[in-house]
Amino acid sequence: MKARLVNMGNSRGVRIPKPLIEEAGIVDEVELHVRDGAIVIAAARAPRTGWSEAAAQLSEGLLDPDLPTRFDEDEWHW
């Protein structure tokens, strides 16, 4: 589908047809970024979405394994 850029004050904009907006699940806010020379418009994600899953994956290998020390080998005298 082709569209034209329209003037919007000091910026330029694109009118997106309603069926495309609904199909993409866009409500009010979008995220914009450039990928390989294309402008990508995506539905905005909630802040910190997926952080708990990422933290769980990080914590699995975060701690060093228990290493024996001389205190583990020698009997303690009180």
Protein backbone atom coordinates (compact mmCIF):
# COMPACT_ATOMS: atom_id res chain seq x y z
CA MET A 1 0.00 0.00 0.00
CA LYS A 2 1.37 3.43 -0.88
CA ALA A 3 0.74 6.60 1.07
CA ARG A 4 1.81 10.23 0.74
CA LEU A 5 3.60 12.35 3.28
CA VAL A 6 1.50 15.29 4.44
CA ASN A 7 2.65 18.50 6.11
CA MET A 8 1.90 18.73 9.83
CA GLY A 9 3.30 21.99 11.12
CA ASN A 10 7.10 21.74 10.92
CA SER A 11 6.94 17.95 10.51
CA ARG A 12 5.66 15.48 7.95
CA GLY A 13 3.21 12.70 8.62
CA VAL A 14 1.55 9.66 7.10
CA ARG A 15 -2.15 8.91 7.36
CA ILE A 16 -2.58 5.28 8.32
CA PRO A 17 -5.83 3.60 7.30
CA LYS A 18 -8.01 2.40 10.19
CA PRO A 19 -7.93 -1.31 9.15
CA LEU A 20 -4.11 -1.30 9.36
CA ILE A 21 -4.20 0.34 12.79
CA GLU A 22 -6.66 -2.24 14.08
CA GLU A 23 -4.72 -5.15 12.59
CA ALA A 24 -1.49 -3.93 14.23
CA GLY A 25 -3.24 -3.53 17.60
CA ILE A 26 -2.29 0.13 17.88
CA VAL A 27 -4.35 2.09 20.42
CA ASP A 28 -2.93 5.52 21.24
CA GLU A 29 0.83 5.35 21.50
CA VAL A 30 3.40 3.93 19.08
CA GLU A 31 7.13 3.30 19.03
CA LEU A 32 9.15 4.45 16.03
CA HIS A 33 12.56 3.21 14.94
CA VAL A 34 14.57 2.84 11.76
CA ARG A 35 15.58 -0.62 10.57
CA ASP A 36 17.50 -1.18 7.34
CA GLY A 37 16.39 2.14 5.85
CA ALA A 38 12.72 1.65 6.78
CA ILE A 39 10.70 3.48 9.42
CA VAL A 40 9.00 0.90 11.64
CA ILE A 41 5.84 1.89 13.52
CA ALA A 42 4.87 -0.55 16.28
CA ALA A 43 2.34 -0.60 19.09
CA ALA A 44 3.94 0.79 22.25
CA ARG A 45 4.81 -1.80 24.87
CA ALA A 46 4.09 -1.31 28.53
CA PRO A 47 7.11 -0.11 30.53
CA ARG A 48 9.31 -2.92 31.83
CA THR A 49 7.43 -5.60 29.88
CA GLY A 50 9.40 -8.83 30.10
CA TRP A 51 11.78 -7.60 32.82
CA SER A 52 10.81 -10.29 35.33
CA GLU A 53 11.43 -13.07 32.78
CA ALA A 54 14.79 -11.57 31.81
CA ALA A 55 15.80 -11.23 35.47
CA ALA A 56 14.88 -14.85 36.12
CA GLN A 57 17.11 -15.97 33.24
CA LEU A 58 19.99 -13.82 34.50
CA SER A 59 19.78 -15.07 38.07
CA GLU A 60 20.20 -18.70 37.02
CA GLY A 61 23.90 -18.30 36.19
CA LEU A 62 24.67 -15.23 38.25
CA LEU A 63 26.10 -16.80 41.42
CA ASP A 64 29.50 -18.46 41.50
CA PRO A 65 29.55 -22.10 42.57
CA ASP A 66 30.55 -22.87 46.15
CA LEU A 67 34.32 -23.28 46.36
CA PRO A 68 35.89 -25.00 49.36
CA THR A 69 38.29 -23.00 51.50
CA ARG A 70 40.72 -24.00 54.23
CA PHE A 71 37.98 -23.24 56.76
CA ASP A 72 35.88 -26.02 55.26
CA GLU A 73 38.74 -28.53 55.41
CA ASP A 74 40.03 -27.84 58.93
CA GLU A 75 38.08 -28.60 62.06
CA TRP A 76 37.24 -25.46 64.02
CA HIS A 77 38.44 -25.09 67.60
CA TRP A 78 36.40 -22.88 69.93
